[in-house]
Structures are given as structure tokens and as C-alpha cells.
N, C-alpha and C. Protein backbone atom coordinates (compact mmCIF):
# COMPACT_ATOMS: atom_id res chain seq x y z
N MET A 1 15.90 26.07 -32.00
CA MET A 1 16.97 24.82 -31.14
C MET A 1 16.87 23.80 -31.62
N SER A 2 17.11 22.82 -31.71
CA SER A 2 17.45 21.89 -32.62
C SER A 2 16.46 20.50 -31.06
N LEU A 3 16.57 19.21 -31.70
CA LEU A 3 15.81 18.36 -31.24
C LEU A 3 17.03 18.08 -29.65
N LEU A 4 18.45 18.07 -30.24
CA LEU A 4 19.67 17.49 -29.74
C LEU A 4 19.40 18.05 -28.52
N ASP A 5 19.30 19.56 -29.18
CA ASP A 5 19.45 20.49 -27.60
C ASP A 5 18.87 20.34 -26.44
N VAL A 6 17.60 20.44 -27.17
CA VAL A 6 16.53 20.43 -26.43
C VAL A 6 16.83 19.20 -25.22
N VAL A 7 17.08 17.01 -25.72
CA VAL A 7 17.25 16.21 -25.14
C VAL A 7 18.28 17.32 -24.33
N ILE A 8 18.77 17.24 -24.49
CA ILE A 8 21.23 17.26 -23.46
C ILE A 8 20.56 18.60 -22.33
N ARG A 9 19.42 19.61 -23.08
CA ARG A 9 18.93 20.08 -21.72
C ARG A 9 18.27 19.78 -20.69
N ILE A 10 17.60 18.94 -21.24
CA ILE A 10 16.27 17.83 -20.43
C ILE A 10 17.07 17.54 -19.50
N VAL A 11 18.44 16.35 -19.88
CA VAL A 11 18.95 15.48 -19.19
C VAL A 11 19.44 15.95 -18.71
N LEU A 12 20.29 16.97 -18.37
CA LEU A 12 21.31 17.83 -17.93
C LEU A 12 20.60 17.86 -16.67
N ALA A 13 19.10 18.15 -16.89
CA ALA A 13 18.21 19.30 -15.53
C ALA A 13 18.12 17.33 -14.19
N LEU A 14 18.08 16.77 -15.07
CA LEU A 14 17.58 15.09 -14.50
C LEU A 14 18.68 14.85 -14.40
N VAL A 15 19.96 14.69 -14.80
CA VAL A 15 21.45 14.45 -14.15
C VAL A 15 21.09 15.11 -12.71
N LEU A 16 21.70 16.54 -12.58
CA LEU A 16 21.73 17.43 -11.60
C LEU A 16 21.34 17.60 -10.27
N GLY A 17 19.30 16.76 -11.10
CA GLY A 17 18.46 17.55 -9.57
C GLY A 17 18.51 16.19 -9.25
N GLY A 18 18.77 14.91 -10.03
CA GLY A 18 19.29 13.37 -9.41
C GLY A 18 20.55 13.60 -8.56
N LEU A 19 21.36 13.81 -8.54
CA LEU A 19 22.24 14.25 -7.74
C LEU A 19 21.69 14.78 -6.50
N ILE A 20 20.97 15.90 -6.43
CA ILE A 20 20.73 16.45 -5.09
C ILE A 20 19.97 15.37 -4.61
N GLY A 21 18.68 15.05 -5.61
CA GLY A 21 17.84 13.93 -5.05
C GLY A 21 18.47 12.94 -4.41
N ILE A 22 19.61 11.94 -3.60
CA ILE A 22 20.12 11.15 -3.93
C ILE A 22 20.92 11.63 -2.48
N GLU A 23 20.74 12.44 -2.25
CA GLU A 23 21.40 12.99 -0.74
C GLU A 23 20.49 12.61 0.04
N ARG A 24 18.95 13.58 -0.68
CA ARG A 24 18.29 13.57 0.38
C ARG A 24 16.97 12.14 0.53
N GLU A 25 16.94 11.84 -0.27
CA GLU A 25 16.62 9.40 -0.50
C GLU A 25 17.98 9.09 0.74
N ILE A 26 19.09 9.26 0.76
CA ILE A 26 19.76 8.77 1.60
C ILE A 26 19.24 9.34 3.55
N ARG A 27 19.16 10.64 3.11
CA ARG A 27 18.79 10.72 4.80
C ARG A 27 17.68 10.62 5.21
N GLU A 28 16.62 10.00 4.14
CA GLU A 28 15.24 9.21 3.91
C GLU A 28 13.95 10.11 4.80
N HIS A 29 14.83 11.60 3.51
CA HIS A 29 13.40 12.89 3.60
C HIS A 29 11.96 12.37 2.40
N ALA A 30 11.42 13.43 2.80
CA ALA A 30 10.29 13.17 2.30
C ALA A 30 10.46 12.98 0.47
N ALA A 31 10.66 14.07 1.46
CA ALA A 31 11.25 14.86 -1.46
C ALA A 31 12.90 14.17 -0.74
N GLY A 32 12.79 12.41 -2.04
CA GLY A 32 13.75 12.75 -3.16
C GLY A 32 14.56 12.51 -4.26
N PHE A 33 15.05 11.71 -4.38
CA PHE A 33 15.53 11.17 -5.76
C PHE A 33 14.52 11.27 -6.28
N ARG A 34 12.94 10.91 -6.71
CA ARG A 34 12.10 11.07 -8.27
C ARG A 34 11.59 12.50 -7.96
N THR A 35 11.73 13.03 -6.47
CA THR A 35 10.86 14.11 -6.30
C THR A 35 11.69 15.65 -7.03
N HIS A 36 13.09 15.39 -6.68
CA HIS A 36 14.03 15.92 -7.03
C HIS A 36 14.11 15.91 -9.09
N ILE A 37 14.51 14.91 -9.11
CA ILE A 37 14.33 14.59 -10.47
C ILE A 37 13.57 15.83 -10.82
N LEU A 38 11.85 15.24 -10.52
CA LEU A 38 10.20 15.76 -11.18
C LEU A 38 10.72 17.29 -11.42
N VAL A 39 11.11 17.83 -10.43
CA VAL A 39 11.10 19.51 -10.23
C VAL A 39 11.81 20.32 -11.27
N ALA A 40 13.78 19.71 -11.09
CA ALA A 40 14.21 20.37 -11.64
C ALA A 40 14.01 19.72 -13.59
N VAL A 41 12.88 19.00 -14.58
CA VAL A 41 12.98 18.34 -15.00
C VAL A 41 11.41 19.76 -15.05
N GLY A 42 11.12 19.68 -14.82
CA GLY A 42 10.42 20.65 -14.76
C GLY A 42 10.74 22.01 -14.86
N ALA A 43 10.66 22.31 -14.52
CA ALA A 43 11.47 23.90 -14.16
C ALA A 43 12.38 23.95 -15.51
N ALA A 44 13.05 23.11 -16.15
CA ALA A 44 13.80 22.90 -17.31
C ALA A 44 13.03 23.42 -18.48
N VAL A 45 11.64 22.29 -18.61
CA VAL A 45 10.74 22.28 -19.81
C VAL A 45 10.09 24.03 -19.53
N PHE A 46 9.97 24.50 -18.44
CA PHE A 46 8.79 25.45 -18.56
C PHE A 46 9.67 26.58 -18.64
N THR A 47 11.40 25.94 -18.72
CA THR A 47 11.90 27.32 -19.32
C THR A 47 11.98 27.39 -21.09
N LEU A 48 12.19 25.76 -20.82
CA LEU A 48 12.27 26.46 -22.80
C LEU A 48 11.24 26.24 -22.78
N ALA A 49 9.72 26.15 -23.02
CA ALA A 49 8.41 26.56 -23.23
C ALA A 49 8.88 28.26 -23.54
N SER A 50 9.28 28.57 -22.20
CA SER A 50 8.68 29.94 -22.45
C SER A 50 10.14 30.64 -23.00
N ALA A 51 10.83 30.34 -23.27
CA ALA A 51 12.19 31.07 -24.03
C ALA A 51 11.84 30.85 -25.17
N TYR A 52 11.80 30.08 -26.13
CA TYR A 52 11.68 28.81 -27.05
C TYR A 52 9.88 28.85 -27.88
N GLY A 53 9.01 28.31 -27.18
CA GLY A 53 7.48 28.45 -26.83
C GLY A 53 7.16 29.58 -27.60
N ALA A 54 7.41 31.07 -27.14
CA ALA A 54 6.83 32.29 -27.18
C ALA A 54 7.11 33.00 -28.49
N LEU A 55 8.58 32.40 -28.97
CA LEU A 55 9.40 33.02 -29.84
C LEU A 55 8.26 33.36 -31.18
N GLY A 56 8.11 34.61 -31.35
CA GLY A 56 7.36 35.18 -32.98
C GLY A 56 6.18 35.66 -31.85
N THR A 57 5.89 36.06 -30.78
CA THR A 57 5.36 36.34 -29.97
C THR A 57 5.17 37.57 -29.24
N ASP A 58 4.11 38.09 -28.66
CA ASP A 58 4.52 39.41 -28.34
C ASP A 58 4.32 39.36 -27.09
N PHE A 59 4.82 37.82 -26.24
CA PHE A 59 4.48 37.12 -25.32
C PHE A 59 6.13 37.23 -23.72
N ASP A 60 5.93 37.66 -23.15
CA ASP A 60 7.20 37.82 -21.87
C ASP A 60 7.86 36.40 -21.75
N PRO A 61 8.60 35.95 -22.36
CA PRO A 61 9.43 34.60 -21.64
C PRO A 61 9.64 34.85 -20.40
N ASN A 62 10.03 35.78 -19.75
CA ASN A 62 9.93 35.64 -18.53
C ASN A 62 9.11 35.67 -17.25
N ARG A 63 7.62 35.71 -17.49
CA ARG A 63 6.94 35.27 -17.26
C ARG A 63 6.41 33.97 -16.27
N ILE A 64 7.15 33.14 -17.46
CA ILE A 64 6.67 32.14 -17.01
C ILE A 64 7.73 31.29 -16.63
N SER A 65 9.06 32.21 -16.00
CA SER A 65 9.98 31.29 -15.27
C SER A 65 10.01 31.51 -13.86
N ALA A 66 9.09 33.06 -13.25
CA ALA A 66 8.43 34.13 -12.53
C ALA A 66 7.72 32.72 -11.60
N GLN A 67 6.67 32.40 -12.73
CA GLN A 67 5.99 31.41 -12.11
C GLN A 67 6.52 30.03 -11.10
N VAL A 68 7.19 29.70 -12.38
CA VAL A 68 7.93 28.44 -11.17
C VAL A 68 8.50 29.20 -10.50
N VAL A 69 9.05 29.73 -10.27
CA VAL A 69 9.98 30.24 -8.80
C VAL A 69 8.71 30.56 -7.41
N THR A 70 7.36 31.17 -8.06
CA THR A 70 6.16 30.87 -7.01
C THR A 70 5.71 29.43 -6.35
N GLY A 71 6.18 29.04 -7.76
CA GLY A 71 4.80 27.93 -8.27
C GLY A 71 5.99 26.38 -6.95
N ILE A 72 6.96 26.74 -7.32
CA ILE A 72 8.18 25.60 -6.07
C ILE A 72 8.13 26.20 -4.74
N GLY A 73 7.19 26.86 -4.82
CA GLY A 73 7.51 27.98 -2.77
C GLY A 73 6.51 27.18 -2.19
N PHE A 74 5.11 26.42 -3.18
CA PHE A 74 4.06 25.52 -2.37
C PHE A 74 4.52 24.45 -2.57
N LEU A 75 5.41 24.17 -3.26
CA LEU A 75 5.70 22.46 -3.33
C LEU A 75 6.60 22.61 -2.07
N GLY A 76 7.63 23.40 -2.23
CA GLY A 76 8.37 22.80 -0.50
C GLY A 76 7.53 23.08 0.30
N ALA A 77 6.56 23.97 0.45
CA ALA A 77 5.69 24.37 1.92
C ALA A 77 5.44 22.75 2.19
N GLY A 78 4.76 22.11 1.21
CA GLY A 78 4.63 20.47 2.09
C GLY A 78 5.41 19.72 2.09
N ALA A 79 6.77 20.38 2.33
CA ALA A 79 7.89 19.37 2.34
C ALA A 79 8.00 20.01 4.37
N ILE A 80 7.65 20.75 4.87
CA ILE A 80 7.69 21.03 5.96
C ILE A 80 6.61 21.39 6.75
N VAL A 81 7.47 20.01 7.78
CA VAL A 81 5.76 19.69 9.20
C VAL A 81 6.43 20.24 10.42
N ARG A 82 5.16 19.88 11.35
CA ARG A 82 5.29 20.35 12.62
C ARG A 82 6.08 19.11 13.09
N TYR A 83 7.00 18.60 13.93
CA TYR A 83 7.38 17.35 15.25
C TYR A 83 7.17 18.07 16.58
N GLY A 84 6.18 17.64 17.06
CA GLY A 84 6.55 18.31 18.31
C GLY A 84 6.28 19.90 18.66
N VAL A 85 7.51 20.32 19.39
CA VAL A 85 7.60 21.61 19.00
C VAL A 85 8.84 22.55 18.28
N THR A 86 9.06 21.35 17.24
CA THR A 86 10.10 22.26 16.22
C THR A 86 9.10 21.72 15.04
N VAL A 87 10.35 22.52 13.94
CA VAL A 87 9.60 22.59 12.51
C VAL A 87 10.97 21.94 11.66
N ARG A 88 10.28 20.80 11.38
CA ARG A 88 11.68 20.11 10.51
C ARG A 88 10.95 19.95 8.76
N GLY A 89 11.58 20.26 8.03
CA GLY A 89 11.92 19.78 6.60
C GLY A 89 12.86 20.94 6.02
N LEU A 90 12.47 22.72 6.77
CA LEU A 90 13.47 23.28 5.88
C LEU A 90 14.01 23.18 4.60
N THR A 91 15.13 21.89 5.24
CA THR A 91 16.27 22.72 4.42
C THR A 91 16.26 21.62 3.03
N THR A 92 14.77 20.25 3.66
CA THR A 92 14.58 20.18 2.24
C THR A 92 13.87 20.78 1.12
N ALA A 93 12.90 21.96 2.06
CA ALA A 93 12.32 22.20 0.95
C ALA A 93 12.45 23.56 0.09
N ALA A 94 14.40 23.93 0.96
CA ALA A 94 15.86 24.73 0.44
C ALA A 94 15.83 24.25 -0.69
N SER A 95 16.55 22.74 -0.78
CA SER A 95 16.89 21.99 -2.09
C SER A 95 16.28 21.83 -2.93
N LEU A 96 14.46 22.15 -3.06
CA LEU A 96 13.73 21.83 -3.71
C LEU A 96 14.28 23.13 -4.50
N TRP A 97 13.77 24.31 -3.71
CA TRP A 97 13.91 25.47 -4.06
C TRP A 97 15.41 26.05 -5.12
N ALA A 98 16.48 25.21 -4.88
CA ALA A 98 17.92 24.96 -5.15
C ALA A 98 17.21 24.28 -6.30
N VAL A 99 17.29 23.32 -6.30
CA VAL A 99 17.07 22.45 -7.27
C VAL A 99 16.31 23.17 -8.91
N ALA A 100 15.06 24.03 -8.37
CA ALA A 100 14.54 25.12 -9.21
C ALA A 100 15.23 25.27 -9.84
N ALA A 101 16.18 26.09 -9.10
CA ALA A 101 17.80 27.10 -9.79
C ALA A 101 18.03 26.43 -11.38
N VAL A 102 18.65 24.75 -10.65
CA VAL A 102 19.45 24.66 -11.85
C VAL A 102 18.62 23.72 -12.93
N GLY A 103 17.05 23.63 -12.74
CA GLY A 103 16.27 23.13 -14.18
C GLY A 103 15.78 24.25 -14.91
N LEU A 104 15.70 25.23 -13.82
CA LEU A 104 16.16 26.69 -14.69
C LEU A 104 17.28 27.10 -15.57
N THR A 105 17.97 27.30 -15.38
CA THR A 105 19.45 27.36 -15.63
C THR A 105 20.28 26.55 -16.49
N ALA A 106 19.46 24.94 -16.38
CA ALA A 106 19.35 23.99 -17.32
C ALA A 106 19.45 24.14 -18.60
N GLY A 107 17.75 24.80 -18.18
CA GLY A 107 17.02 24.31 -19.34
C GLY A 107 17.11 26.50 -20.48
N GLN A 108 18.25 27.36 -20.12
CA GLN A 108 18.09 28.43 -19.85
C GLN A 108 19.71 28.32 -21.07
N GLY A 109 20.33 26.57 -20.89
CA GLY A 109 21.69 26.52 -21.48
C GLY A 109 22.69 26.88 -20.89
N PHE A 110 22.55 27.40 -19.67
CA PHE A 110 23.40 27.75 -18.37
C PHE A 110 23.92 27.21 -17.49
N TYR A 111 24.81 25.84 -18.69
CA TYR A 111 25.23 24.39 -18.36
C TYR A 111 26.24 25.11 -16.74
N SER A 112 27.04 25.57 -16.92
CA SER A 112 28.58 25.76 -15.91
C SER A 112 27.53 26.56 -14.81
N ALA A 113 26.82 27.15 -14.40
CA ALA A 113 26.19 27.49 -13.23
C ALA A 113 25.15 26.62 -12.90
N ALA A 114 24.79 25.67 -13.68
CA ALA A 114 23.55 24.12 -13.23
C ALA A 114 24.94 23.19 -12.57
N ALA A 115 25.88 23.98 -13.20
CA ALA A 115 26.76 22.01 -12.71
C ALA A 115 26.90 22.86 -11.21
N VAL A 116 27.56 24.54 -11.19
CA VAL A 116 28.38 24.96 -9.90
C VAL A 116 27.63 25.28 -9.16
N THR A 117 26.08 25.07 -9.04
CA THR A 117 24.86 25.50 -8.45
C THR A 117 24.81 23.46 -7.67
N THR A 118 24.62 22.64 -8.44
CA THR A 118 24.47 21.61 -7.96
C THR A 118 25.85 20.78 -7.02
N ALA A 119 26.69 20.85 -7.31
CA ALA A 119 28.13 20.87 -6.56
C ALA A 119 27.78 21.33 -5.15
N ILE A 120 27.64 22.63 -5.02
CA ILE A 120 28.08 23.86 -4.01
C ILE A 120 26.08 23.02 -3.26
N VAL A 121 25.11 22.52 -3.45
CA VAL A 121 24.07 22.43 -3.47
C VAL A 121 24.93 20.89 -2.51
N ILE A 122 25.24 20.24 -3.08
CA ILE A 122 25.54 19.03 -2.41
C ILE A 122 26.45 18.51 -1.49
N ALA A 123 26.93 20.40 -1.95
CA ALA A 123 28.81 20.09 -0.73
C ALA A 123 27.55 20.59 0.80
N SER A 124 26.94 21.26 1.32
CA SER A 124 26.01 21.92 2.25
C SER A 124 25.27 20.94 2.77
N LEU A 125 24.79 20.10 1.91
CA LEU A 125 24.05 18.57 2.16
C LEU A 125 24.34 18.01 3.06
N SER A 126 25.77 17.56 2.27
CA SER A 126 26.37 16.74 2.99
C SER A 126 27.86 16.87 3.45
N LEU A 127 28.83 17.67 3.25
CA LEU A 127 30.21 17.81 3.69
C LEU A 127 29.69 18.75 5.45
N LEU A 128 28.92 19.99 4.95
CA LEU A 128 29.09 20.79 6.11
C LEU A 128 28.74 20.19 7.02
N SER A 129 27.64 18.25 6.36
CA SER A 129 26.36 18.15 7.32
C SER A 129 27.60 17.95 8.31
N LEU A 130 29.08 17.25 7.56
CA LEU A 130 30.00 16.27 8.33
C LEU A 130 31.01 17.17 9.57
N ILE A 131 30.77 18.67 9.29
CA ILE A 131 31.42 19.97 9.44
C ILE A 131 30.88 20.34 10.92
N GLU A 132 29.08 20.07 11.47
CA GLU A 132 29.43 20.87 11.70
C GLU A 132 29.09 19.74 13.11
N LYS A 133 29.28 18.06 12.58
CA LYS A 133 28.80 16.72 13.55
C LYS A 133 29.97 16.98 13.79
N ARG A 134 31.68 17.78 13.25
CA ARG A 134 33.09 16.83 13.64
C ARG A 134 33.34 18.06 15.09
N LEU A 135 33.12 18.99 14.44
CA LEU A 135 33.83 20.48 14.73
C LEU A 135 32.48 21.65 15.57
N LEU A 136 31.69 21.71 14.75
CA LEU A 136 30.64 22.32 16.04
C LEU A 136 29.77 21.95 17.32
N TYR A 137 29.19 20.61 16.87
CA TYR A 137 28.81 20.09 17.86
C TYR A 137 29.55 19.08 19.29
N ARG A 138 31.09 19.57 19.03
CA ARG A 138 32.13 19.34 19.65
C ARG A 138 32.24 20.19 20.90
N ARG A 139 31.82 21.39 20.30
CA ARG A 139 31.89 22.77 21.02
C ARG A 139 30.74 22.84 22.16
N VAL A 140 29.20 23.01 20.85
CA VAL A 140 27.92 23.56 21.69
C VAL A 140 27.61 22.32 21.75
N GLY A 141 27.52 20.33 21.80
CA GLY A 141 26.44 19.84 21.76
C GLY A 141 26.15 19.05 20.42
N MET A 142 25.13 18.28 20.81
CA MET A 142 24.52 17.52 19.73
C MET A 142 23.10 16.97 20.19
N ALA A 143 22.68 17.04 19.03
CA ALA A 143 21.11 16.70 18.93
C ALA A 143 20.44 15.16 19.52
N ALA A 144 20.53 14.35 19.52
CA ALA A 144 20.24 12.84 19.87
C ALA A 144 18.17 12.51 19.17
N GLY A 145 17.94 12.08 18.68
CA GLY A 145 16.61 11.32 18.78
C GLY A 145 16.76 9.53 20.10
N VAL A 146 14.96 10.27 20.41
CA VAL A 146 14.98 8.48 21.27
C VAL A 146 13.66 7.33 21.23
N LYS A 147 13.42 6.67 20.86
CA LYS A 147 12.53 6.35 21.45
C LYS A 147 12.72 5.03 22.91
N ILE A 148 11.95 5.01 23.89
CA ILE A 148 12.02 4.89 24.78
C ILE A 148 9.82 4.75 24.51
N ARG A 149 10.16 3.53 25.20
CA ARG A 149 9.51 2.25 25.62
C ARG A 149 9.23 2.10 27.73
N PHE A 150 8.71 2.48 27.83
CA PHE A 150 8.15 2.13 29.32
C PHE A 150 7.68 1.01 29.55
N ARG A 151 7.50 0.36 31.21
CA ARG A 151 7.07 -1.13 31.04
C ARG A 151 5.93 -0.24 32.36
N ALA A 152 4.83 0.57 32.07
CA ALA A 152 3.93 0.85 32.62
C ALA A 152 3.43 2.74 32.07
N GLY A 153 1.97 2.71 32.14
CA GLY A 153 1.25 3.74 31.25
C GLY A 153 1.62 4.70 32.93
N GLY A 154 0.95 6.27 31.53
CA GLY A 154 0.40 7.13 33.31
C GLY A 154 1.34 8.05 33.20
N TYR A 155 1.69 9.06 34.57
CA TYR A 155 2.69 10.15 33.90
C TYR A 155 3.96 9.83 35.32
N THR A 156 4.13 8.98 35.61
CA THR A 156 4.84 8.65 36.80
C THR A 156 6.32 8.34 36.30
N PRO A 157 6.34 7.38 34.79
CA PRO A 157 7.72 6.63 34.28
C PRO A 157 8.33 7.86 33.58
N LEU A 158 6.97 9.29 33.14
CA LEU A 158 7.58 10.27 32.30
C LEU A 158 8.35 10.93 32.56
N THR A 159 7.72 10.68 34.90
CA THR A 159 8.51 11.97 35.26
C THR A 159 9.66 11.76 35.93
N VAL A 160 9.49 11.26 36.09
CA VAL A 160 11.29 10.13 36.66
C VAL A 160 12.20 9.85 35.42
N LEU A 161 11.80 10.03 34.08
CA LEU A 161 12.84 10.16 32.71
C LEU A 161 13.06 11.51 32.70
N LEU A 162 11.93 12.50 32.58
CA LEU A 162 12.78 13.65 33.04
C LEU A 162 13.18 14.20 33.89
N SER A 163 13.13 14.15 35.16
CA SER A 163 14.12 14.02 35.85
C SER A 163 15.71 13.21 35.65
N ALA A 164 15.63 13.03 35.68
CA ALA A 164 16.59 12.18 35.28
C ALA A 164 18.02 13.03 33.85
N LEU A 165 16.72 13.35 33.23
CA LEU A 165 17.20 13.65 32.09
C LEU A 165 17.77 15.82 32.72
N ASP A 166 17.27 16.07 32.97
CA ASP A 166 17.54 17.24 33.33
C ASP A 166 18.87 17.22 34.58
N GLN A 167 18.79 16.19 35.71
CA GLN A 167 19.38 16.30 36.29
C GLN A 167 22.03 15.73 35.36
N ALA A 168 21.22 14.87 33.84
CA ALA A 168 22.10 14.69 33.50
C ALA A 168 22.52 15.87 32.49
N HIS A 169 21.69 16.97 32.32
CA HIS A 169 22.01 18.08 31.64
C HIS A 169 21.94 18.23 30.39
N VAL A 170 20.38 17.23 29.64
CA VAL A 170 20.47 17.06 28.96
C VAL A 170 18.82 18.06 28.95
N SER A 171 18.76 17.94 27.70
CA SER A 171 17.24 19.53 27.51
C SER A 171 16.58 19.02 26.39
N VAL A 172 15.38 18.71 26.50
CA VAL A 172 13.67 17.93 25.90
C VAL A 172 13.86 19.18 24.26
N LYS A 173 14.58 18.38 23.57
CA LYS A 173 14.10 19.66 22.42
C LYS A 173 11.79 19.20 22.23
N GLU A 174 11.89 18.15 22.09
CA GLU A 174 10.64 17.82 21.49
C GLU A 174 10.20 16.77 22.20
N MET A 175 9.29 16.44 21.85
CA MET A 175 8.37 14.74 22.93
C MET A 175 6.95 14.57 22.19
N ALA A 176 6.39 13.83 21.40
CA ALA A 176 5.33 13.07 20.22
C ALA A 176 5.22 11.45 20.56
N VAL A 177 3.77 11.80 20.62
CA VAL A 177 4.04 10.23 19.97
C VAL A 177 3.31 10.15 18.81
N VAL A 178 4.15 9.36 17.84
CA VAL A 178 4.15 9.33 16.36
C VAL A 178 2.26 8.45 15.88
N PRO A 179 1.76 9.24 15.09
CA PRO A 179 1.42 8.29 14.93
C PRO A 179 0.55 7.10 14.11
N GLY A 180 -0.55 6.93 14.47
CA GLY A 180 -0.69 5.10 14.20
C GLY A 180 0.17 4.23 14.86
N GLU A 181 1.29 4.16 15.98
CA GLU A 181 1.46 3.27 17.23
C GLU A 181 1.09 3.47 17.75
N SER A 182 -0.20 1.70 18.61
CA SER A 182 -0.67 1.47 19.20
C SER A 182 0.13 1.78 20.31
N ASP A 183 1.27 1.88 20.57
CA ASP A 183 1.60 0.98 22.09
C ASP A 183 1.42 3.08 22.75
N ALA A 184 0.71 3.05 23.34
CA ALA A 184 0.03 4.25 23.95
C ALA A 184 1.71 4.64 25.06
N ASP A 185 2.29 3.38 25.91
CA ASP A 185 3.49 3.41 26.23
C ASP A 185 4.91 3.81 25.44
N THR A 186 5.27 4.53 24.51
CA THR A 186 5.86 4.96 23.47
C THR A 186 6.04 6.22 23.21
N ILE A 187 7.40 6.91 23.37
CA ILE A 187 7.57 7.76 23.62
C ILE A 187 8.16 8.18 22.24
N HIS A 188 8.61 9.31 21.38
CA HIS A 188 10.22 9.19 20.41
C HIS A 188 10.32 11.31 21.47
N LEU A 189 11.63 11.49 21.70
CA LEU A 189 12.29 12.56 22.46
C LEU A 189 13.61 12.61 20.69
N ARG A 190 13.25 14.04 21.06
CA ARG A 190 14.41 14.71 20.43
C ARG A 190 15.15 15.38 21.65
N LEU A 191 16.82 14.97 21.97
CA LEU A 191 17.51 15.67 22.92
C LEU A 191 18.35 16.75 22.66
N GLY A 192 18.75 17.08 23.85
CA GLY A 192 19.83 18.08 23.29
C GLY A 192 20.96 17.71 24.39
N LEU A 193 22.25 17.42 23.54
CA LEU A 193 22.92 16.69 24.64
C LEU A 193 24.15 18.19 24.59
N PRO A 194 24.76 18.09 26.13
CA PRO A 194 26.01 18.46 27.02
C PRO A 194 27.12 17.76 25.95
N ARG A 195 28.71 18.70 25.81
CA ARG A 195 29.38 18.15 25.77
C ARG A 195 29.73 16.90 25.63
N THR A 196 29.67 16.84 27.59
CA THR A 196 29.73 15.67 28.17
C THR A 196 29.60 14.04 27.85
N VAL A 197 27.86 14.57 27.29
CA VAL A 197 27.19 13.10 27.27
C VAL A 197 27.49 13.03 25.52
N ASP A 198 27.81 11.87 25.55
CA ASP A 198 27.31 11.57 23.95
C ASP A 198 26.27 10.38 23.94
N GLN A 199 25.90 10.05 22.78
CA GLN A 199 24.86 9.56 22.18
C GLN A 199 24.44 7.87 22.88
N HIS A 200 26.47 7.19 23.31
CA HIS A 200 25.78 5.92 23.87
C HIS A 200 26.21 6.62 25.37
N ALA A 201 26.82 7.06 26.02
CA ALA A 201 25.83 7.04 27.44
C ALA A 201 24.72 7.61 27.85
N LEU A 202 24.06 8.46 26.99
CA LEU A 202 22.58 9.02 26.95
C LEU A 202 21.93 7.66 26.68
N LEU A 203 22.25 6.47 26.15
CA LEU A 203 20.89 5.51 25.89
C LEU A 203 21.91 4.39 27.71
N ARG A 204 22.97 4.63 27.94
CA ARG A 204 22.76 3.76 29.67
C ARG A 204 22.15 4.69 30.75
N ILE A 205 22.47 6.20 30.60
CA ILE A 205 21.14 6.82 31.65
C ILE A 205 20.02 6.88 31.14
N ILE A 206 19.15 6.58 30.02
CA ILE A 206 17.76 5.97 30.41
C ILE A 206 17.43 4.70 30.41
N GLY A 207 18.39 3.32 30.01
CA GLY A 207 18.37 2.59 29.99
C GLY A 207 18.50 2.44 31.67
N SER A 208 18.79 2.60 32.81
CA SER A 208 19.30 2.00 33.98
C SER A 208 18.06 2.29 35.18
N LEU A 209 16.92 3.50 34.21
CA LEU A 209 16.13 3.98 34.83
C LEU A 209 14.81 2.18 34.44
N LYS A 210 14.38 1.82 35.93
CA LYS A 210 13.61 0.44 36.10
C LYS A 210 11.74 1.14 35.51
N GLU A 211 12.08 2.38 35.17
CA GLU A 211 10.67 2.60 34.85
C GLU A 211 10.71 2.19 33.08
N VAL A 212 12.15 2.10 32.82
CA VAL A 212 12.48 1.63 30.69
C VAL A 212 12.61 0.60 30.81
N GLU A 213 11.58 -0.07 30.18
CA GLU A 213 11.58 -1.38 29.38
C GLU A 213 12.59 -1.33 28.34
N SER A 214 12.66 -0.27 27.09
CA SER A 214 13.94 -0.96 26.40
C SER A 214 14.01 1.27 25.95
N VAL A 215 14.80 1.32 25.41
CA VAL A 215 15.51 2.51 24.77
C VAL A 215 15.79 2.60 23.66
N SER A 216 16.09 3.28 22.76
CA SER A 216 17.23 3.31 21.21
C SER A 216 17.02 4.24 20.79
N LEU A 217 18.34 4.91 20.32
CA LEU A 217 18.45 5.96 18.73
C LEU A 217 16.84 5.95 17.86
N ASP A 218 16.36 7.17 17.50
CA ASP A 218 15.13 7.25 16.74
C ASP A 218 15.57 7.23 15.54
């Protein structure tokens, strides 16, 4: 294999991995632009090493590629975090796994598969997200994150808030205090909204409570 072929395959992995990483970076996920590039390039180089570095030996070239898939599983696990009562980062972990596949196919010279996979992943992360918001959530409601600061501490303001949300048929999916925040009277909620309540109506409901000093989308 010529040096030009090596450069083309690695650069292609960089570009395609970067395209997927841009979408994650825009949405401010932990694994963003640079992480996806590194995963794609690393997978491509490991593939080149396994396919061409072992020529003339008895080494099975598929062993390195198989270990890449296993290694990406550990990296993806690092992107998954528990937040309140739910788990976040599964989509980002899946995108890292897909980027590794893009890097592997680019390293093998299977350019069409790498390009098609990239297009499908980007469509799944961005276009399908719009479809969910405009079609699915209109039927089953949507989720909203809010940051609430109470006028005073204690359980009474929280009890009043939860009662008001229950009356509006808004479900509490997550409740947490962000580590590092010094204000103990500030909480973060992830709420499930019914079809009859949008984000603006939610802010009005919460903001009308005398126990609430301020509320904003989180």
C-alpha cells in the first residue's frame, strides 16, 4: 500500500468522524468533535495495522479489529452517566460505537460503506430528532428541563411545587442538585409534559408560585 492510500484512508476517517462529532458538539455532549475524530482515526489506524502490518506473518489480522470493537465499548461506557433517576449518554455512546465502525471501514478502503454509515448516523442524530419533536411529541407530550430557585429552603416550597405540577398533570422524571452549586435552594428538574402544556405554559405555572423566586429552562 502506498503512502497516498494510507493518508487518504486516515483523512477520510477524520472527516467522517468529525462530521458526526460536530452534531454531538452542537448539542453540548461530553464526547464531541475531537473525541469522535480520535475514535475514527484510531479505528482506521488499527485496521491498517491489522490488515497490512501483519503481512507475511501468521498473525490473524481480524484480531486487532475485534479488539477495537471491545475497546470502544469501554469508551462508550464512560459517556454514560446516571442523572437523578435516569441514565444519560446512551446516544453519545452509540455514536462513538458507530464512529468506530466508520473508522474501520475507512481503514479497510470500503469508502462507500463509511460514507453511507456517516450519513445515516448524522440523519439519525439530527433529522430524526426533529421528527420526534414535531410529530411524536405532539402526540405523547415532550420532556423539559427547568432550573428553579426557591425563596427559602426546606421541604415546604418543594411540596408546593410538586403539588402544582401534579395538578397540571406534569410528571417529574428527574430531580437533582448539580454538584458544585453552592445554592442549596436551587434544584434541577426533568419534567414530562402532557400535550396540553408546552414549555412556556410550564414556566408560567411554576413562576406563579410565591415560593419560587426564579425559573428558567435548563
